[in-house]
């Protein structure tokens, strides 16, 4: 089972995921209490966001959840919670279920949680929903939606570029036509008559 929580409203529309047990932890990116057992928490960022742009309030919600769901960490003060991008998680066959390592330790962030804040935990628990979830399918659906949006944006970009190209061609043609119609380059009927040439002769010369 996966537990779903809604982050504080002022942080934006974010859903926080947490594994109900160590098997579910296998599926989740982690905010994790360092050196002691705890739940893994997953936060799916919005398009264009990075782990460095997560707001302090949103980080606090995630960290408080991690601390509250650690048997040991919940009783301790000044607990260090570590978090990292999903892509930095490393899993090897020798690791226990729910245990992970990191490809690059420099990408691991540390947040110190001084103490449990019941006000935050109570607020989050009021939004708690527990259900079976196919996290892989949810991630694939999210990726597909982003891909479709990028495809639409590219299509719109090409459409605008084509409109701009046609507009440039149109004005180039207009400027070219105006050049042909310059008065000093045109021959009037009076000039033709004074030259003693008939219209037919002029047309023959033109041809």
Protein backbone atom coordinates (compact mmCIF):
# COMPACT_ATOMS: atom_id res chain seq x y z
CA UNK A 1 0.00 0.00 0.00
CA UNK A 2 1.07 3.56 -0.64
CA UNK A 3 0.14 6.48 1.57
CA UNK A 4 -0.70 9.81 -0.08
CA UNK A 5 -0.57 13.17 1.70
CA UNK A 6 -1.34 16.69 0.47
CA UNK A 7 1.36 19.23 1.24
CA UNK A 8 0.57 22.58 2.88
CA UNK A 9 -1.58 24.74 0.58
CA UNK A 10 0.85 27.66 0.50
CA UNK A 11 3.53 25.33 -0.95
CA UNK A 12 1.42 24.63 -4.02
CA UNK A 13 -0.46 21.60 -5.29
CA UNK A 14 1.90 18.79 -4.28
CA UNK A 15 1.20 15.19 -3.32
CA UNK A 16 3.66 13.43 -1.02
CA UNK A 17 3.93 9.65 -1.35
CA UNK A 18 5.14 7.31 1.36
CA UNK A 19 5.64 3.56 1.38
CA UNK A 20 3.54 1.76 3.95
CA UNK A 21 6.30 -0.81 4.44
CA UNK A 22 9.83 -1.64 3.30
CA UNK A 23 8.57 -3.35 0.14
CA UNK A 24 6.83 -0.20 -0.97
CA UNK A 25 10.02 1.68 -0.18
CA UNK A 26 11.59 -0.16 -3.08
CA UNK A 27 9.38 1.86 -5.41
CA UNK A 28 9.89 5.27 -3.88
CA UNK A 29 12.54 7.95 -4.07
CA UNK A 30 13.59 8.72 -0.56
CA UNK A 31 13.65 11.39 2.04
CA UNK A 32 15.23 9.19 4.69
CA UNK A 33 16.35 9.50 8.30
CA UNK A 34 20.11 9.03 8.20
CA UNK A 35 21.60 6.02 10.01
CA UNK A 36 18.25 4.75 11.34
CA UNK A 37 15.32 2.93 9.79
CA UNK A 38 12.49 5.10 8.50
CA UNK A 39 9.87 5.45 5.84
CA UNK A 40 10.81 6.54 2.34
CA UNK A 41 8.99 9.59 1.05
CA UNK A 42 8.57 10.50 -2.60
CA UNK A 43 7.91 14.00 -3.91
CA UNK A 44 7.16 14.39 -7.60
CA UNK A 45 8.36 17.78 -8.76
CA UNK A 46 6.60 19.87 -11.34
CA UNK A 47 7.99 20.50 -14.79
CA UNK A 48 11.05 22.75 -14.72
CA UNK A 49 11.64 22.31 -10.99
CA UNK A 50 14.74 20.75 -9.44
CA UNK A 51 15.64 19.39 -6.03
CA UNK A 52 17.32 22.73 -5.30
CA UNK A 53 14.12 24.70 -5.84
CA UNK A 54 11.95 22.83 -3.34
CA UNK A 55 10.49 25.36 -0.90
CA UNK A 56 11.39 25.24 2.80
CA UNK A 57 7.77 24.56 3.75
CA UNK A 58 7.49 21.62 1.38
CA UNK A 59 10.79 20.20 2.62
CA UNK A 60 9.59 20.53 6.20
CA UNK A 61 6.39 18.60 5.45
CA UNK A 62 8.38 15.76 3.89
CA UNK A 63 11.00 15.70 6.63
CA UNK A 64 8.40 15.71 9.41
CA UNK A 65 6.66 12.75 7.80
CA UNK A 66 9.93 10.84 7.61
CA UNK A 67 10.76 11.54 11.26
CA UNK A 68 7.24 10.66 12.47
CA UNK A 69 7.37 7.31 10.69
CA UNK A 70 10.76 6.27 12.03
CA UNK A 71 10.52 4.17 15.19
CA UNK A 72 13.85 5.43 16.45
CA UNK A 73 13.97 8.82 14.76
CA UNK A 74 10.56 9.84 16.09
CA UNK A 75 11.96 9.74 19.63
CA UNK A 76 15.14 11.65 18.81
CA UNK A 77 15.90 15.35 18.49
CA UNK A 78 18.09 16.93 15.81
CA UNK A 79 17.53 14.07 13.37
CA UNK A 80 19.26 14.33 10.00
CA UNK A 81 16.98 13.62 7.05
CA UNK A 82 18.70 12.94 3.75
CA UNK A 83 17.16 13.39 0.33
CA UNK A 84 18.32 13.01 -3.24
CA UNK A 85 16.96 12.81 -6.80
CA UNK A 86 15.52 9.45 -7.83
CA UNK A 87 18.17 9.11 -10.53
CA UNK A 88 20.87 9.14 -7.85
CA UNK A 89 19.52 6.08 -6.04
CA UNK A 90 21.58 2.92 -6.36
CA UNK A 91 20.32 -0.58 -5.69
CA UNK A 92 22.53 -3.68 -5.65
CA UNK A 93 21.58 -7.36 -5.16
CA UNK A 94 23.40 -7.50 -1.81
CA UNK A 95 21.19 -4.79 -0.28
CA UNK A 96 18.24 -5.63 1.94
CA UNK A 97 14.68 -4.91 0.86
CA UNK A 98 14.06 -1.19 1.16
CA UNK A 99 17.76 -0.36 1.39
CA UNK A 100 19.41 1.88 -1.20
CA UNK A 101 22.70 3.60 -1.82
CA UNK A 102 23.76 6.57 -3.93
CA UNK A 103 25.65 6.88 -7.18
CA UNK A 104 26.99 10.31 -6.31
CA UNK A 105 27.24 11.28 -2.62
CA UNK A 106 27.57 14.94 -3.63
CA UNK A 107 23.97 14.88 -4.82
CA UNK A 108 22.73 13.88 -1.37
CA UNK A 109 21.20 16.75 0.64
CA UNK A 110 20.89 16.80 4.41
CA UNK A 111 18.17 18.51 6.43
CA UNK A 112 18.24 18.59 10.23
CA UNK A 113 14.87 18.20 11.94
CA UNK A 114 15.10 19.62 15.43
CA UNK A 115 11.97 18.00 16.80
CA UNK A 116 8.63 16.55 15.83
CA UNK A 117 5.99 19.18 15.10
CA UNK A 118 2.60 17.63 15.84
CA UNK A 119 0.75 20.49 14.17
CA UNK A 120 2.35 19.55 10.84
CA UNK A 121 1.83 15.80 11.30
CA UNK A 122 -1.82 16.27 12.29
CA UNK A 123 -2.45 18.48 9.26
CA UNK A 124 -0.85 15.95 6.91
CA UNK A 125 -2.71 13.01 8.48
CA UNK A 126 -6.03 14.73 7.79
CA UNK A 127 -5.21 14.49 4.07
CA UNK A 128 -3.92 10.92 4.22
CA UNK A 129 -5.23 8.45 1.65
CA UNK A 130 -4.10 4.84 1.51
CA UNK A 131 -4.46 2.77 -1.63
CA UNK A 132 -2.75 0.24 -3.80
CA UNK A 133 -0.92 2.02 -6.56
CA UNK A 134 1.08 1.14 -9.63
CA UNK A 135 3.78 3.75 -9.16
CA UNK A 136 5.54 2.69 -12.34
CA UNK A 137 2.35 3.24 -14.34
CA UNK A 138 1.79 6.61 -12.64
CA UNK A 139 5.31 7.70 -13.52
CA UNK A 140 4.91 6.50 -17.11
CA UNK A 141 1.61 8.37 -17.38
CA UNK A 142 3.27 11.51 -16.04
CA UNK A 143 6.14 11.14 -18.52
CA UNK A 144 3.68 10.54 -21.37
CA UNK A 145 1.74 13.70 -20.45
CA UNK A 146 4.96 15.74 -20.41
CA UNK A 147 6.00 14.24 -23.76
CA UNK A 148 2.62 15.08 -25.27
CA UNK A 149 2.90 18.65 -23.98
CA UNK A 150 6.39 19.04 -25.45
CA UNK A 151 5.13 17.66 -28.76
CA UNK A 152 2.26 20.15 -28.76
CA UNK A 153 4.60 23.02 -27.94
CA UNK A 154 6.93 21.99 -30.79
CA UNK A 155 3.99 21.78 -33.18
CA UNK A 156 2.83 25.25 -32.14
CA UNK A 157 6.35 26.60 -32.56
CA UNK A 158 6.56 25.20 -36.10
CA UNK A 159 3.12 26.64 -36.90
CA UNK A 160 4.20 30.11 -35.78
CA UNK A 161 7.46 29.83 -37.72
CA UNK A 162 5.53 28.87 -40.87
CA UNK A 163 3.16 31.82 -40.43
CA UNK A 164 6.14 34.13 -39.98
CA UNK A 165 7.83 32.70 -43.08
CA UNK A 166 4.71 33.19 -45.21
CA UNK A 167 4.31 36.72 -43.87
CA UNK A 168 7.90 37.56 -44.84
CA UNK A 169 7.37 36.12 -48.32
CA UNK A 170 4.17 38.12 -48.68
CA UNK A 171 5.88 41.42 -47.82
CA UNK A 172 8.85 40.59 -50.01
CA UNK A 173 6.46 40.05 -52.91
CA UNK A 174 4.64 43.30 -52.16
CA UNK A 175 7.91 45.23 -52.09
CA UNK A 176 8.94 43.62 -55.34
CA UNK A 177 5.62 44.53 -56.97
CA UNK A 178 5.92 48.13 -55.77
CA UNK A 179 9.33 48.32 -57.42
CA UNK A 180 7.82 47.37 -60.74
CA UNK A 181 5.11 49.99 -60.36
CA UNK A 182 7.40 52.99 -59.71
CA UNK A 183 5.93 55.91 -61.68
CA UNK A 184 9.19 57.09 -63.27
CA UNK A 185 9.72 53.66 -64.75
CA UNK A 186 6.24 53.46 -66.29
CA UNK A 187 5.25 54.68 -69.78
CA UNK A 188 2.02 56.64 -70.11
CA UNK A 189 -0.31 56.67 -73.16
CA UNK A 190 0.73 60.28 -73.83
CA UNK A 191 4.42 59.26 -73.94
CA UNK A 192 3.54 56.49 -76.33
CA UNK A 193 1.65 58.88 -78.60
CA UNK A 194 4.45 61.45 -78.54
CA UNK A 195 6.90 58.78 -79.54
CA UNK A 196 4.76 58.04 -82.56
CA UNK A 197 4.29 54.43 -81.61
CA UNK A 198 1.04 52.58 -81.50
CA UNK A 199 -0.02 50.41 -78.63
CA UNK A 200 0.42 47.36 -80.80
CA UNK A 201 4.02 48.37 -81.54
CA UNK A 202 4.72 48.77 -77.84
CA UNK A 203 3.24 45.37 -77.11
CA UNK A 204 5.31 43.85 -79.92
CA UNK A 205 8.47 45.40 -78.46
CA UNK A 206 7.57 44.13 -75.02
CA UNK A 207 7.08 40.61 -76.32
